[in-house]
Amino acid sequence: MTTPPPPPTVRTVRTDPPLAADEATTLVAFLDFHRDTLRQKTEGLTAEQLAQPLAPSTLTLGALLKHVALNEASWFGEVLHGRPMPEPWASVDWDADRDWEMTSARDDSPAELRRLMDEAVEQARRDIDAALAEGGLEFRSATLSRKDDETFTLRWILLHMIEEYARHNGHADLLREAVDGVTGE
């Protein structure tokens, strides 16, 4: 059995956040920086490589791509703007598999995983822009926090998503090195 060739490499250009800008621009730039970091960590890999865990964990690079796509749709669409979750998330039986995005990623092609993330990020950018235009960083979410029964500010959601990506990019560093030895930013 021969291993299929890796997909064509798409080179993500990662831009450093500005050293001096207003708060909203800085937060969005840091979020974009971390989005692009995860894209870089997963570029050029085959479906098999994206599905390779680093024992004893079952986490994979493909699972990270699908997980962040879910988070983009959830936080910026559902929580911030009160929209129902789009497909593929809307029809998932989350009670049967609460980590469905992670476990099902092994069945998706690299192109499908990237498409899910890219489409979720593009919609999230539109959602962020709309919130900034309407209320700035103090724009309040349509959905209440389960814990505090309060709404979130756009500022809080942006910072949470930066933290989410930063944590997962650390995972991606280890996973990518285990897959093919690639290290670095």
C-alpha atoms as a PDB file:
ATOM      1  CA  MET A   1       0.000   0.000   0.000  1.00  0.00           C
ATOM      2  CA  THR A   2       1.451   3.333  -0.992  1.00  0.00           C
ATOM      3  CA  THR A   3       0.906   6.515   0.913  1.00  0.00           C
ATOM      4  CA  PRO A   4      -0.955   9.121  -1.122  1.00  0.00           C
ATOM      5  CA  PRO A   5       1.009  12.264  -1.884  1.00  0.00           C
ATOM      6  CA  PRO A   6       0.389  15.206   0.413  1.00  0.00           C
ATOM      7  CA  PRO A   7      -2.110  17.791  -0.775  1.00  0.00           C
ATOM      8  CA  PRO A   8      -0.740  20.857  -2.550  1.00  0.00           C
ATOM      9  CA  THR A   9       0.818  23.177  -0.035  1.00  0.00           C
ATOM     10  CA  VAL A  10      -1.032  26.407   0.594  1.00  0.00           C
ATOM     11  CA  ARG A  11       1.227  28.912   2.247  1.00  0.00           C
ATOM     12  CA  THR A  12      -0.455  30.929   4.950  1.00  0.00           C
ATOM     13  CA  VAL A  13       0.990  34.374   5.357  1.00  0.00           C
ATOM     14  CA  ARG A  14       0.958  35.264   9.033  1.00  0.00           C
ATOM     15  CA  THR A  15       1.043  38.956   9.906  1.00  0.00           C
ATOM     16  CA  ASP A  16       2.379  40.163  13.227  1.00  0.00           C
ATOM     17  CA  PRO A  17      -0.116  42.227  15.217  1.00  0.00           C
ATOM     18  CA  PRO A  18       0.554  45.978  15.140  1.00  0.00           C
ATOM     19  CA  LEU A  19       2.723  47.437  17.877  1.00  0.00           C
ATOM     20  CA  ALA A  20       0.515  50.508  18.197  1.00  0.00           C
ATOM     21  CA  ALA A  21      -3.184  50.430  17.337  1.00  0.00           C
ATOM     22  CA  ASP A  22      -6.541  50.875  19.014  1.00  0.00           C
ATOM     23  CA  GLU A  23      -7.764  48.083  21.272  1.00  0.00           C
ATOM     24  CA  ALA A  24     -10.237  46.508  18.828  1.00  0.00           C
ATOM     25  CA  THR A  25      -7.689  46.412  15.998  1.00  0.00           C
ATOM     26  CA  THR A  26      -5.084  44.884  18.331  1.00  0.00           C
ATOM     27  CA  LEU A  27      -7.420  42.176  19.629  1.00  0.00           C
ATOM     28  CA  VAL A  28      -8.624  41.173  16.161  1.00  0.00           C
ATOM     29  CA  ALA A  29      -5.023  41.191  14.860  1.00  0.00           C
ATOM     30  CA  PHE A  30      -3.896  38.858  17.661  1.00  0.00           C
ATOM     31  CA  LEU A  31      -6.831  36.533  16.950  1.00  0.00           C
ATOM     32  CA  ASP A  32      -5.931  36.503  13.235  1.00  0.00           C
ATOM     33  CA  PHE A  33      -2.277  35.838  14.125  1.00  0.00           C
ATOM     34  CA  HIS A  34      -3.277  32.746  16.112  1.00  0.00           C
ATOM     35  CA  ARG A  35      -5.710  31.585  13.430  1.00  0.00           C
ATOM     36  CA  ASP A  36      -2.905  31.740  10.877  1.00  0.00           C
ATOM     37  CA  THR A  37      -0.514  29.965  13.245  1.00  0.00           C
ATOM     38  CA  LEU A  38      -2.839  26.956  13.377  1.00  0.00           C
ATOM     39  CA  ARG A  39      -3.218  27.058   9.593  1.00  0.00           C
ATOM     40  CA  GLN A  40       0.583  27.016   9.227  1.00  0.00           C
ATOM     41  CA  LYS A  41       0.916  24.087  11.636  1.00  0.00           C
ATOM     42  CA  THR A  42      -1.452  22.000   9.514  1.00  0.00           C
ATOM     43  CA  GLU A  43      -0.357  22.958   5.992  1.00  0.00           C
ATOM     44  CA  GLY A  44       0.787  20.345   3.542  1.00  0.00           C
ATOM     45  CA  LEU A  45      -0.262  17.320   5.573  1.00  0.00           C
ATOM     46  CA  THR A  46      -2.183  14.301   4.311  1.00  0.00           C
ATOM     47  CA  ALA A  47      -5.420  13.067   5.858  1.00  0.00           C
ATOM     48  CA  GLU A  48      -3.439  10.332   7.614  1.00  0.00           C
ATOM     49  CA  GLN A  49      -1.031  12.867   9.080  1.00  0.00           C
ATOM     50  CA  LEU A  50      -3.876  15.124  10.226  1.00  0.00           C
ATOM     51  CA  ALA A  51      -5.432  12.108  11.968  1.00  0.00           C
ATOM     52  CA  GLN A  52      -2.219  11.026  13.750  1.00  0.00           C
ATOM     53  CA  PRO A  53      -2.376  11.415  17.556  1.00  0.00           C
ATOM     54  CA  LEU A  54       0.546  11.759  19.946  1.00  0.00           C
ATOM     55  CA  ALA A  55       0.121   8.997  22.532  1.00  0.00           C
ATOM     56  CA  PRO A  56      -1.261   8.824  25.127  1.00  0.00           C
ATOM     57  CA  SER A  57      -3.567  11.586  23.840  1.00  0.00           C
ATOM     58  CA  THR A  58      -6.116  11.030  21.066  1.00  0.00           C
ATOM     59  CA  LEU A  59      -5.917  14.683  19.972  1.00  0.00           C
ATOM     60  CA  THR A  60      -4.984  15.265  16.317  1.00  0.00           C
ATOM     61  CA  LEU A  61      -4.207  18.258  14.133  1.00  0.00           C
ATOM     62  CA  GLY A  62      -7.349  17.581  12.107  1.00  0.00           C
ATOM     63  CA  ALA A  63      -9.417  17.569  15.296  1.00  0.00           C
ATOM     64  CA  LEU A  64      -7.978  20.970  16.211  1.00  0.00           C
ATOM     65  CA  LEU A  65      -9.014  22.434  12.854  1.00  0.00           C
ATOM     66  CA  LYS A  66     -12.568  21.171  13.249  1.00  0.00           C
ATOM     67  CA  HIS A  67     -12.716  22.196  16.921  1.00  0.00           C
ATOM     68  CA  VAL A  68     -11.743  25.802  16.227  1.00  0.00           C
ATOM     69  CA  ALA A  69     -14.282  25.935  13.376  1.00  0.00           C
ATOM     70  CA  LEU A  70     -16.960  24.894  15.868  1.00  0.00           C
ATOM     71  CA  ASN A  71     -15.778  27.513  18.368  1.00  0.00           C
ATOM     72  CA  GLU A  72     -15.786  30.278  15.743  1.00  0.00           C
ATOM     73  CA  ALA A  73     -19.391  29.449  14.785  1.00  0.00           C
ATOM     74  CA  SER A  74     -20.481  29.050  18.391  1.00  0.00           C
ATOM     75  CA  TRP A  75     -18.909  32.119  19.974  1.00  0.00           C
ATOM     76  CA  PHE A  76     -19.366  34.657  17.186  1.00  0.00           C
ATOM     77  CA  GLY A  77     -22.593  33.390  15.602  1.00  0.00           C
ATOM     78  CA  GLU A  78     -24.596  31.624  18.297  1.00  0.00           C
ATOM     79  CA  VAL A  79     -23.416  33.374  21.486  1.00  0.00           C
ATOM     80  CA  LEU A  80     -22.629  36.870  20.191  1.00  0.00           C
ATOM     81  CA  HIS A  81     -25.411  37.275  17.629  1.00  0.00           C
ATOM     82  CA  GLY A  82     -27.950  34.656  18.732  1.00  0.00           C
ATOM     83  CA  ARG A  83     -28.042  32.711  15.469  1.00  0.00           C
ATOM     84  CA  PRO A  84     -28.706  28.974  15.397  1.00  0.00           C
ATOM     85  CA  MET A  85     -25.642  26.895  14.696  1.00  0.00           C
ATOM     86  CA  PRO A  86     -25.096  26.183  10.991  1.00  0.00           C
ATOM     87  CA  GLU A  87     -24.347  22.791   9.503  1.00  0.00           C
ATOM     88  CA  PRO A  88     -22.567  20.554  10.127  1.00  0.00           C
ATOM     89  CA  TRP A  89     -22.977  21.486  13.809  1.00  0.00           C
ATOM     90  CA  ALA A  90     -26.773  21.875  13.881  1.00  0.00           C
ATOM     91  CA  SER A  91     -27.583  18.235  13.127  1.00  0.00           C
ATOM     92  CA  VAL A  92     -25.001  16.628  15.419  1.00  0.00           C
ATOM     93  CA  ASP A  93     -26.257  14.448  18.266  1.00  0.00           C
ATOM     94  CA  TRP A  94     -24.065  16.060  20.923  1.00  0.00           C
ATOM     95  CA  ASP A  95     -25.541  13.812  23.627  1.00  0.00           C
ATOM     96  CA  ALA A  96     -24.227  10.755  21.769  1.00  0.00           C
ATOM     97  CA  ASP A  97     -20.727  12.241  21.307  1.00  0.00           C
ATOM     98  CA  ARG A  98     -19.983  15.504  23.090  1.00  0.00           C
ATOM     99  CA  ASP A  99     -16.600  15.642  21.326  1.00  0.00           C
ATOM    100  CA  TRP A 100     -18.031  14.920  17.865  1.00  0.00           C
ATOM    101  CA  GLU A 101     -15.947  17.590  16.127  1.00  0.00           C
ATOM    102  CA  MET A 102     -12.822  15.932  17.498  1.00  0.00           C
ATOM    103  CA  THR A 103     -13.755  12.303  16.832  1.00  0.00           C
ATOM    104  CA  SER A 104     -15.282  12.863  13.390  1.00  0.00           C
ATOM    105  CA  ALA A 105     -12.351  14.893  12.026  1.00  0.00           C
ATOM    106  CA  ARG A 106     -10.498  11.703  11.081  1.00  0.00           C
ATOM    107  CA  ASP A 107     -13.204  11.087   8.454  1.00  0.00           C
ATOM    108  CA  ASP A 108     -12.710  14.491   6.793  1.00  0.00           C
ATOM    109  CA  SER A 109     -10.220  15.331   4.084  1.00  0.00           C
ATOM    110  CA  PRO A 110      -7.596  18.022   4.647  1.00  0.00           C
ATOM    111  CA  ALA A 111      -9.482  20.240   2.180  1.00  0.00           C
ATOM    112  CA  GLU A 112     -12.759  19.758   4.069  1.00  0.00           C
ATOM    113  CA  LEU A 113     -11.152  20.546   7.425  1.00  0.00           C
ATOM    114  CA  ARG A 114      -9.554  23.699   6.052  1.00  0.00           C
ATOM    115  CA  ARG A 115     -12.831  24.699   4.361  1.00  0.00           C
ATOM    116  CA  LEU A 116     -14.734  24.317   7.644  1.00  0.00           C
ATOM    117  CA  MET A 117     -12.234  26.489   9.470  1.00  0.00           C
ATOM    118  CA  ASP A 118     -11.922  29.092   6.718  1.00  0.00           C
ATOM    119  CA  GLU A 119     -15.692  29.483   6.291  1.00  0.00           C
ATOM    120  CA  ALA A 120     -16.206  29.742  10.054  1.00  0.00           C
ATOM    121  CA  VAL A 121     -13.451  32.360  10.320  1.00  0.00           C
ATOM    122  CA  GLU A 122     -14.867  34.408   7.427  1.00  0.00           C
ATOM    123  CA  GLN A 123     -18.327  34.413   9.034  1.00  0.00           C
ATOM    124  CA  ALA A 124     -16.765  35.279  12.402  1.00  0.00           C
ATOM    125  CA  ARG A 125     -14.985  38.248  10.805  1.00  0.00           C
ATOM    126  CA  ARG A 126     -18.335  39.526   9.509  1.00  0.00           C
ATOM    127  CA  ASP A 127     -19.858  38.976  12.969  1.00  0.00           C
ATOM    128  CA  ILE A 128     -17.005  40.851  14.670  1.00  0.00           C
ATOM    129  CA  ASP A 129     -17.262  43.739  12.201  1.00  0.00           C
ATOM    130  CA  ALA A 130     -21.036  43.987  12.765  1.00  0.00           C
ATOM    131  CA  ALA A 131     -20.613  44.008  16.543  1.00  0.00           C
ATOM    132  CA  LEU A 132     -17.844  46.611  16.377  1.00  0.00           C
ATOM    133  CA  ALA A 133     -20.000  48.830  14.141  1.00  0.00           C
ATOM    134  CA  GLU A 134     -22.996  48.521  16.449  1.00  0.00           C
ATOM    135  CA  GLY A 135     -21.432  48.790  19.898  1.00  0.00           C
ATOM    136  CA  GLY A 136     -17.674  48.424  19.769  1.00  0.00           C
ATOM    137  CA  LEU A 137     -15.906  46.142  22.219  1.00  0.00           C
ATOM    138  CA  GLU A 138     -18.731  46.691  24.733  1.00  0.00           C
ATOM    139  CA  PHE A 139     -21.264  45.097  22.339  1.00  0.00           C
ATOM    140  CA  ARG A 140     -23.205  42.598  24.446  1.00  0.00           C
ATOM    141  CA  SER A 141     -23.921  39.020  23.423  1.00  0.00           C
ATOM    142  CA  ALA A 142     -27.395  37.764  22.601  1.00  0.00           C
ATOM    143  CA  THR A 143     -26.787  34.695  24.774  1.00  0.00           C
ATOM    144  CA  LEU A 144     -26.327  34.625  28.532  1.00  0.00           C
ATOM    145  CA  SER A 145     -23.422  32.913  30.280  1.00  0.00           C
ATOM    146  CA  ARG A 146     -24.577  29.618  31.810  1.00  0.00           C
ATOM    147  CA  LYS A 147     -22.479  30.251  34.896  1.00  0.00           C
ATOM    148  CA  ASP A 148     -23.181  33.910  35.695  1.00  0.00           C
ATOM    149  CA  ASP A 149     -26.466  34.484  33.841  1.00  0.00           C
ATOM    150  CA  GLU A 150     -24.950  37.609  32.263  1.00  0.00           C
ATOM    151  CA  THR A 151     -24.151  38.556  28.706  1.00  0.00           C
ATOM    152  CA  PHE A 152     -20.619  38.577  27.322  1.00  0.00           C
ATOM    153  CA  THR A 153     -18.904  41.609  25.819  1.00  0.00           C
ATOM    154  CA  LEU A 154     -17.279  41.338  22.416  1.00  0.00           C
ATOM    155  CA  ARG A 155     -14.006  42.156  24.217  1.00  0.00           C
ATOM    156  CA  TRP A 156     -14.402  39.079  26.469  1.00  0.00           C
ATOM    157  CA  ILE A 157     -15.221  36.806  23.521  1.00  0.00           C
ATOM    158  CA  LEU A 158     -12.218  38.062  21.517  1.00  0.00           C
ATOM    159  CA  LEU A 159      -9.889  37.504  24.469  1.00  0.00           C
ATOM    160  CA  HIS A 160     -11.375  34.058  25.084  1.00  0.00           C
ATOM    161  CA  MET A 161     -10.843  33.085  21.446  1.00  0.00           C
ATOM    162  CA  ILE A 162      -7.241  34.355  21.521  1.00  0.00           C
ATOM    163  CA  GLU A 163      -6.681  32.177  24.602  1.00  0.00           C
ATOM    164  CA  GLU A 164      -8.390  29.220  22.898  1.00  0.00           C
ATOM    165  CA  TYR A 165      -6.178  29.446  19.822  1.00  0.00           C
ATOM    166  CA  ALA A 166      -3.002  30.065  21.844  1.00  0.00           C
ATOM    167  CA  ARG A 167      -3.609  26.925  23.927  1.00  0.00           C
ATOM    168  CA  HIS A 168      -4.393  24.808  20.880  1.00  0.00           C
ATOM    169  CA  ASN A 169      -1.408  26.180  18.972  1.00  0.00           C
ATOM    170  CA  GLY A 170       0.769  24.788  21.765  1.00  0.00           C
ATOM    171  CA  HIS A 171      -0.871  21.410  21.183  1.00  0.00           C
ATOM    172  CA  ALA A 172      -0.313  21.835  17.437  1.00  0.00           C
ATOM    173  CA  ASP A 173       3.424  22.429  18.002  1.00  0.00           C
ATOM    174  CA  LEU A 174       3.787  19.036  19.684  1.00  0.00           C
ATOM    175  CA  LEU A 175       1.499  17.200  17.266  1.00  0.00           C
ATOM    176  CA  ARG A 176       3.209  18.564  14.152  1.00  0.00           C
ATOM    177  CA  GLU A 177       6.650  17.660  15.448  1.00  0.00           C
ATOM    178  CA  ALA A 178       5.422  14.116  16.166  1.00  0.00           C
ATOM    179  CA  VAL A 179       3.919  13.808  12.667  1.00  0.00           C
ATOM    180  CA  ASP A 180       6.867  14.861  10.545  1.00  0.00           C
ATOM    181  CA  GLY A 181       9.492  16.560  12.693  1.00  0.00           C
ATOM    182  CA  VAL A 182       8.567  20.110  11.652  1.00  0.00           C
ATOM    183  CA  THR A 183       9.183  22.600  14.433  1.00  0.00           C
ATOM    184  CA  GLY A 184       9.206  26.349  14.780  1.00  0.00           C
ATOM    185  CA  GLU A 185       6.661  29.103  14.813  1.00  0.00           C
END
